[in-house]
């Protein structure tokens, strides 16, 4: 498998969603996470940037005639 921009974007999206879920779960369980708001904002930015990367790197198909 060759790593292209789409693959990298999908890996970043999946891992960022997982990290954000772990942070939110820790906060819901009452664990104090230092820098949690900063980490959640950072994961949100990574998710949005990765989604843009996936959208623009996916080849477009020709419209039907």
C-alpha atoms as a PDB file:
ATOM      1  CA  UNK A   1       0.000   0.000   0.000  1.00  0.00           C
ATOM      2  CA  UNK A   2       1.295   3.392  -0.950  1.00  0.00           C
ATOM      3  CA  UNK A   3       0.797   6.307   1.430  1.00  0.00           C
ATOM      4  CA  UNK A   4      -0.886   9.200  -0.329  1.00  0.00           C
ATOM      5  CA  UNK A   5      -2.570  12.311   1.043  1.00  0.00           C
ATOM      6  CA  UNK A   6      -5.936  10.565   1.353  1.00  0.00           C
ATOM      7  CA  UNK A   7      -4.487   7.742   3.473  1.00  0.00           C
ATOM      8  CA  UNK A   8      -2.617  10.150   5.726  1.00  0.00           C
ATOM      9  CA  UNK A   9      -5.739  12.295   6.136  1.00  0.00           C
ATOM     10  CA  UNK A  10      -7.871   9.298   7.072  1.00  0.00           C
ATOM     11  CA  UNK A  11      -5.317   8.113   9.641  1.00  0.00           C
ATOM     12  CA  UNK A  12      -5.152  11.617  11.160  1.00  0.00           C
ATOM     13  CA  UNK A  13      -8.944  11.869  11.329  1.00  0.00           C
ATOM     14  CA  UNK A  14      -9.311   8.483  12.998  1.00  0.00           C
ATOM     15  CA  UNK A  15      -6.564   9.006  15.528  1.00  0.00           C
ATOM     16  CA  UNK A  16      -7.719  12.539  16.380  1.00  0.00           C
ATOM     17  CA  UNK A  17     -11.286  11.383  16.986  1.00  0.00           C
ATOM     18  CA  UNK A  18      -9.954   8.591  19.210  1.00  0.00           C
ATOM     19  CA  UNK A  19      -7.795  10.990  21.237  1.00  0.00           C
ATOM     20  CA  UNK A  20     -10.675  13.455  21.623  1.00  0.00           C
ATOM     21  CA  UNK A  21     -12.935  10.630  22.806  1.00  0.00           C
ATOM     22  CA  UNK A  22     -10.396   9.487  25.384  1.00  0.00           C
ATOM     23  CA  UNK A  23     -10.011  13.048  26.713  1.00  0.00           C
ATOM     24  CA  UNK A  24     -13.790  13.526  26.952  1.00  0.00           C
ATOM     25  CA  UNK A  25     -14.199  10.138  28.654  1.00  0.00           C
ATOM     26  CA  UNK A  26     -11.523  11.007  31.197  1.00  0.00           C
ATOM     27  CA  UNK A  27     -13.233  14.327  31.925  1.00  0.00           C
ATOM     28  CA  UNK A  28     -16.612  12.587  32.340  1.00  0.00           C
ATOM     29  CA  UNK A  29     -15.063  10.138  34.806  1.00  0.00           C
ATOM     30  CA  UNK A  30     -13.829  13.055  36.888  1.00  0.00           C
ATOM     31  CA  UNK A  31     -10.146  12.814  36.060  1.00  0.00           C
ATOM     32  CA  UNK A  32      -8.440  16.186  35.891  1.00  0.00           C
ATOM     33  CA  UNK A  33      -6.666  16.506  32.548  1.00  0.00           C
ATOM     34  CA  UNK A  34      -4.227  19.401  32.422  1.00  0.00           C
ATOM     35  CA  UNK A  35      -4.661  21.334  29.196  1.00  0.00           C
ATOM     36  CA  UNK A  36      -7.820  19.483  28.149  1.00  0.00           C
ATOM     37  CA  UNK A  37      -9.422  22.491  26.400  1.00  0.00           C
ATOM     38  CA  UNK A  38      -6.227  23.118  24.432  1.00  0.00           C
ATOM     39  CA  UNK A  39      -5.965  19.434  23.489  1.00  0.00           C
ATOM     40  CA  UNK A  40      -9.606  19.321  22.350  1.00  0.00           C
ATOM     41  CA  UNK A  41      -9.176  22.450  20.233  1.00  0.00           C
ATOM     42  CA  UNK A  42      -5.993  20.991  18.750  1.00  0.00           C
ATOM     43  CA  UNK A  43      -7.711  17.706  17.849  1.00  0.00           C
ATOM     44  CA  UNK A  44     -10.613  19.648  16.330  1.00  0.00           C
ATOM     45  CA  UNK A  45      -8.211  21.644  14.138  1.00  0.00           C
ATOM     46  CA  UNK A  46      -6.429  18.444  13.073  1.00  0.00           C
ATOM     47  CA  UNK A  47      -9.761  16.796  12.204  1.00  0.00           C
ATOM     48  CA  UNK A  48     -10.870  19.756  10.079  1.00  0.00           C
ATOM     49  CA  UNK A  49      -7.496  20.051   8.310  1.00  0.00           C
ATOM     50  CA  UNK A  50      -7.445  16.305   7.615  1.00  0.00           C
ATOM     51  CA  UNK A  51     -10.985  16.378   6.240  1.00  0.00           C
ATOM     52  CA  UNK A  52     -10.009  19.207   3.876  1.00  0.00           C
ATOM     53  CA  UNK A  53      -6.936  17.202   2.849  1.00  0.00           C
ATOM     54  CA  UNK A  54      -9.073  14.138   2.078  1.00  0.00           C
ATOM     55  CA  UNK A  55     -11.661  16.148   0.135  1.00  0.00           C
ATOM     56  CA  UNK A  56      -9.125  17.928  -2.065  1.00  0.00           C
ATOM     57  CA  UNK A  57      -6.856  14.922  -2.649  1.00  0.00           C
ATOM     58  CA  UNK A  58      -9.611  12.526  -3.735  1.00  0.00           C
ATOM     59  CA  UNK A  59      -9.696  12.290  -7.531  1.00  0.00           C
ATOM     60  CA  UNK A  60     -12.839  13.616  -9.151  1.00  0.00           C
ATOM     61  CA  UNK A  61     -14.772  11.456 -11.563  1.00  0.00           C
ATOM     62  CA  UNK A  62     -16.044  12.750 -14.871  1.00  0.00           C
ATOM     63  CA  UNK A  63     -19.723  13.745 -14.868  1.00  0.00           C
ATOM     64  CA  UNK A  64     -21.948  11.449 -16.947  1.00  0.00           C
ATOM     65  CA  UNK A  65     -22.780  12.629 -20.450  1.00  0.00           C
END
